N, C-alpha and C. Protein backbone atom coordinates (compact mmCIF):
# COMPACT_ATOMS: atom_id res chain seq x y z
N MET A 1 18.10 7.01 27.71
CA MET A 1 18.82 5.90 27.13
C MET A 1 19.82 6.43 26.11
N SER A 2 21.07 6.06 26.25
CA SER A 2 22.05 6.46 25.25
C SER A 2 22.00 5.47 24.09
N VAL A 3 22.26 5.98 22.90
CA VAL A 3 22.19 5.17 21.69
C VAL A 3 23.53 5.25 20.98
N ASP A 4 24.06 4.08 20.59
CA ASP A 4 25.30 4.05 19.82
C ASP A 4 25.01 4.17 18.32
N ILE A 5 23.93 3.54 17.89
CA ILE A 5 23.54 3.52 16.47
C ILE A 5 22.05 3.82 16.35
N ALA A 6 21.69 4.69 15.43
CA ALA A 6 20.29 4.95 15.12
C ALA A 6 20.00 4.39 13.74
N VAL A 7 18.97 3.56 13.64
CA VAL A 7 18.53 3.02 12.36
C VAL A 7 17.24 3.74 12.00
N VAL A 8 17.22 4.38 10.85
CA VAL A 8 16.04 5.12 10.41
C VAL A 8 15.26 4.24 9.45
N GLY A 9 14.07 3.85 9.90
CA GLY A 9 13.20 3.00 9.08
C GLY A 9 13.03 1.63 9.72
N GLY A 10 11.79 1.32 10.08
CA GLY A 10 11.49 0.06 10.74
C GLY A 10 10.90 -0.98 9.81
N GLY A 11 11.21 -0.87 8.53
CA GLY A 11 10.78 -1.90 7.58
C GLY A 11 11.70 -3.11 7.68
N PRO A 12 11.53 -4.07 6.79
CA PRO A 12 12.36 -5.28 6.85
C PRO A 12 13.86 -4.99 6.84
N SER A 13 14.32 -4.09 5.99
CA SER A 13 15.76 -3.80 5.91
C SER A 13 16.27 -3.14 7.18
N GLY A 14 15.54 -2.16 7.70
CA GLY A 14 15.96 -1.48 8.92
C GLY A 14 15.99 -2.40 10.12
N LEU A 15 14.95 -3.22 10.27
CA LEU A 15 14.90 -4.14 11.40
C LEU A 15 16.00 -5.19 11.30
N PHE A 16 16.25 -5.65 10.09
CA PHE A 16 17.30 -6.65 9.93
C PHE A 16 18.68 -6.05 10.14
N ALA A 17 18.87 -4.80 9.72
CA ALA A 17 20.14 -4.12 9.98
C ALA A 17 20.37 -3.99 11.49
N ALA A 18 19.33 -3.61 12.21
CA ALA A 18 19.44 -3.49 13.67
C ALA A 18 19.78 -4.83 14.31
N LEU A 19 19.12 -5.89 13.87
CA LEU A 19 19.40 -7.23 14.41
C LEU A 19 20.85 -7.62 14.13
N GLY A 20 21.31 -7.39 12.92
CA GLY A 20 22.69 -7.72 12.57
C GLY A 20 23.70 -6.97 13.41
N LEU A 21 23.46 -5.68 13.63
CA LEU A 21 24.37 -4.88 14.44
C LEU A 21 24.40 -5.36 15.89
N ILE A 22 23.24 -5.65 16.44
CA ILE A 22 23.16 -6.11 17.83
C ILE A 22 23.91 -7.42 18.01
N ARG A 23 23.75 -8.31 17.04
CA ARG A 23 24.43 -9.62 17.13
C ARG A 23 25.93 -9.51 16.87
N ALA A 24 26.34 -8.55 16.06
CA ALA A 24 27.76 -8.42 15.71
C ALA A 24 28.58 -7.73 16.80
N PHE A 25 27.95 -6.82 17.53
CA PHE A 25 28.69 -6.02 18.51
C PHE A 25 28.03 -6.13 19.87
N ASP A 26 28.61 -6.92 20.75
CA ASP A 26 28.07 -7.15 22.08
C ASP A 26 27.96 -5.84 22.85
N GLY A 27 26.78 -5.58 23.38
CA GLY A 27 26.55 -4.39 24.18
C GLY A 27 26.20 -3.14 23.40
N LEU A 28 26.18 -3.23 22.08
CA LEU A 28 25.83 -2.07 21.25
C LEU A 28 24.37 -1.69 21.49
N LYS A 29 24.12 -0.41 21.64
CA LYS A 29 22.75 0.08 21.84
C LYS A 29 22.22 0.62 20.52
N VAL A 30 21.20 -0.03 20.00
CA VAL A 30 20.62 0.33 18.71
C VAL A 30 19.19 0.78 18.92
N LYS A 31 18.81 1.88 18.31
CA LYS A 31 17.43 2.35 18.37
C LYS A 31 16.92 2.47 16.94
N VAL A 32 15.73 1.91 16.70
CA VAL A 32 15.09 1.98 15.39
C VAL A 32 14.02 3.06 15.43
N TYR A 33 14.08 3.98 14.48
CA TYR A 33 13.09 5.05 14.36
C TYR A 33 12.19 4.74 13.16
N GLU A 34 10.89 4.74 13.40
CA GLU A 34 9.92 4.46 12.34
C GLU A 34 8.84 5.53 12.36
N ARG A 35 8.51 6.06 11.22
CA ARG A 35 7.49 7.11 11.10
C ARG A 35 6.09 6.58 11.35
N ALA A 36 5.80 5.38 10.85
CA ALA A 36 4.45 4.82 10.99
C ALA A 36 4.16 4.48 12.45
N LYS A 37 2.95 4.76 12.88
CA LYS A 37 2.57 4.46 14.26
C LYS A 37 2.28 2.99 14.46
N ASN A 38 1.76 2.33 13.43
CA ASN A 38 1.40 0.91 13.51
C ASN A 38 1.83 0.22 12.22
N TYR A 39 2.18 -1.05 12.38
CA TYR A 39 2.45 -1.86 11.20
C TYR A 39 1.14 -2.43 10.69
N ARG A 40 1.03 -2.55 9.39
CA ARG A 40 -0.18 -3.13 8.81
C ARG A 40 0.20 -3.85 7.53
N GLU A 41 -0.64 -4.76 7.14
CA GLU A 41 -0.43 -5.47 5.89
C GLU A 41 -0.68 -4.51 4.74
N CYS A 42 0.21 -4.51 3.76
CA CYS A 42 0.04 -3.58 2.64
C CYS A 42 -0.04 -4.29 1.29
N GLY A 43 0.06 -5.61 1.27
CA GLY A 43 -0.10 -6.35 0.03
C GLY A 43 1.10 -6.31 -0.89
N ALA A 44 2.26 -5.96 -0.39
CA ALA A 44 3.45 -5.89 -1.22
C ALA A 44 4.35 -7.10 -0.98
N GLY A 45 5.10 -7.45 -1.98
CA GLY A 45 6.09 -8.52 -1.84
C GLY A 45 7.43 -7.92 -1.44
N ILE A 46 8.38 -8.79 -1.16
CA ILE A 46 9.74 -8.38 -0.81
C ILE A 46 10.67 -8.99 -1.84
N THR A 47 11.55 -8.19 -2.41
CA THR A 47 12.53 -8.69 -3.37
C THR A 47 13.92 -8.53 -2.78
N LEU A 48 14.69 -9.62 -2.77
CA LEU A 48 16.07 -9.57 -2.31
C LEU A 48 16.99 -10.04 -3.43
N ASP A 49 18.07 -9.30 -3.64
CA ASP A 49 19.06 -9.75 -4.61
C ASP A 49 20.02 -10.71 -3.92
N VAL A 50 21.04 -11.15 -4.64
CA VAL A 50 21.98 -12.14 -4.10
C VAL A 50 22.65 -11.63 -2.83
N ASN A 51 23.09 -10.39 -2.82
CA ASN A 51 23.75 -9.84 -1.63
C ASN A 51 22.79 -9.73 -0.45
N GLY A 52 21.54 -9.39 -0.72
CA GLY A 52 20.54 -9.35 0.35
C GLY A 52 20.33 -10.72 0.97
N MET A 53 20.29 -11.75 0.13
CA MET A 53 20.13 -13.12 0.64
C MET A 53 21.36 -13.54 1.45
N LYS A 54 22.55 -13.17 0.99
CA LYS A 54 23.77 -13.50 1.73
C LYS A 54 23.78 -12.80 3.10
N ALA A 55 23.35 -11.55 3.13
CA ALA A 55 23.30 -10.81 4.39
C ALA A 55 22.30 -11.44 5.34
N LEU A 56 21.13 -11.79 4.83
CA LEU A 56 20.10 -12.44 5.65
C LEU A 56 20.64 -13.73 6.25
N ARG A 57 21.30 -14.53 5.45
CA ARG A 57 21.85 -15.80 5.93
C ARG A 57 22.94 -15.59 6.97
N ALA A 58 23.79 -14.58 6.77
CA ALA A 58 24.89 -14.33 7.69
C ALA A 58 24.40 -13.89 9.07
N VAL A 59 23.30 -13.17 9.12
CA VAL A 59 22.79 -12.67 10.40
C VAL A 59 21.96 -13.71 11.13
N ASP A 60 21.12 -14.45 10.41
CA ASP A 60 20.22 -15.40 11.08
C ASP A 60 19.89 -16.56 10.16
N GLU A 61 20.57 -17.67 10.36
CA GLU A 61 20.39 -18.86 9.51
C GLU A 61 18.96 -19.39 9.56
N GLU A 62 18.35 -19.40 10.74
CA GLU A 62 16.98 -19.91 10.85
C GLU A 62 15.99 -19.01 10.10
N LEU A 63 16.13 -17.70 10.26
CA LEU A 63 15.26 -16.77 9.54
C LEU A 63 15.47 -16.91 8.03
N PHE A 64 16.72 -17.08 7.62
CA PHE A 64 17.02 -17.29 6.20
C PHE A 64 16.30 -18.54 5.68
N SER A 65 16.36 -19.63 6.44
CA SER A 65 15.71 -20.88 6.02
C SER A 65 14.20 -20.71 5.91
N ARG A 66 13.60 -20.00 6.86
CA ARG A 66 12.16 -19.76 6.82
C ARG A 66 11.80 -18.90 5.61
N PHE A 67 12.59 -17.89 5.36
CA PHE A 67 12.37 -17.03 4.19
C PHE A 67 12.52 -17.84 2.91
N GLN A 68 13.58 -18.62 2.83
CA GLN A 68 13.88 -19.41 1.64
C GLN A 68 12.76 -20.40 1.32
N SER A 69 12.09 -20.90 2.35
CA SER A 69 11.03 -21.89 2.12
C SER A 69 9.77 -21.26 1.52
N THR A 70 9.70 -19.93 1.46
CA THR A 70 8.51 -19.26 0.94
C THR A 70 8.75 -18.49 -0.35
N VAL A 71 9.97 -18.53 -0.88
CA VAL A 71 10.29 -17.70 -2.04
C VAL A 71 9.82 -18.31 -3.35
N VAL A 72 9.68 -17.44 -4.31
CA VAL A 72 9.42 -17.82 -5.70
C VAL A 72 10.56 -17.23 -6.51
N THR A 73 11.27 -18.06 -7.26
CA THR A 73 12.36 -17.55 -8.08
C THR A 73 11.80 -17.04 -9.40
N SER A 74 12.09 -15.79 -9.70
CA SER A 74 11.58 -15.19 -10.93
C SER A 74 12.50 -15.52 -12.10
N VAL A 75 12.10 -15.10 -13.27
CA VAL A 75 12.85 -15.37 -14.49
C VAL A 75 14.27 -14.83 -14.40
N ASN A 76 14.44 -13.68 -13.77
CA ASN A 76 15.77 -13.09 -13.68
C ASN A 76 16.54 -13.55 -12.44
N ALA A 77 16.09 -14.63 -11.81
CA ALA A 77 16.77 -15.31 -10.70
C ALA A 77 16.82 -14.51 -9.41
N MET A 78 16.00 -13.49 -9.27
CA MET A 78 15.89 -12.81 -7.98
C MET A 78 14.88 -13.57 -7.14
N GLN A 79 14.99 -13.45 -5.83
CA GLN A 79 14.09 -14.14 -4.92
C GLN A 79 12.94 -13.21 -4.55
N ASN A 80 11.71 -13.64 -4.77
CA ASN A 80 10.53 -12.83 -4.46
C ASN A 80 9.71 -13.53 -3.38
N PHE A 81 9.38 -12.80 -2.33
CA PHE A 81 8.61 -13.32 -1.21
C PHE A 81 7.24 -12.67 -1.24
N ASP A 82 6.21 -13.47 -1.12
CA ASP A 82 4.85 -12.93 -1.11
C ASP A 82 4.00 -13.77 -0.17
N GLN A 83 3.41 -13.15 0.84
CA GLN A 83 2.58 -13.86 1.80
C GLN A 83 1.18 -14.10 1.29
N HIS A 84 0.77 -13.49 0.21
CA HIS A 84 -0.62 -13.56 -0.24
C HIS A 84 -0.85 -14.70 -1.18
């Protein structure tokens, strides 16, 4: 398989970058490389700044809405997501 873009890291940012690239460029071949063999719950939250939220919304409005419905706004106005 030929690859046009390699994304290193299969965490939230890497996966979302890959999704954004695939949607932005028709026919682009993207491969995500991840060191971990399996995904598992690790008990960590996700913090997105204003630009991260704008990028999320630009790539996938539905995913942005689902994310937005679960956030807690902290004192410094950053968006914090926690599934626990």
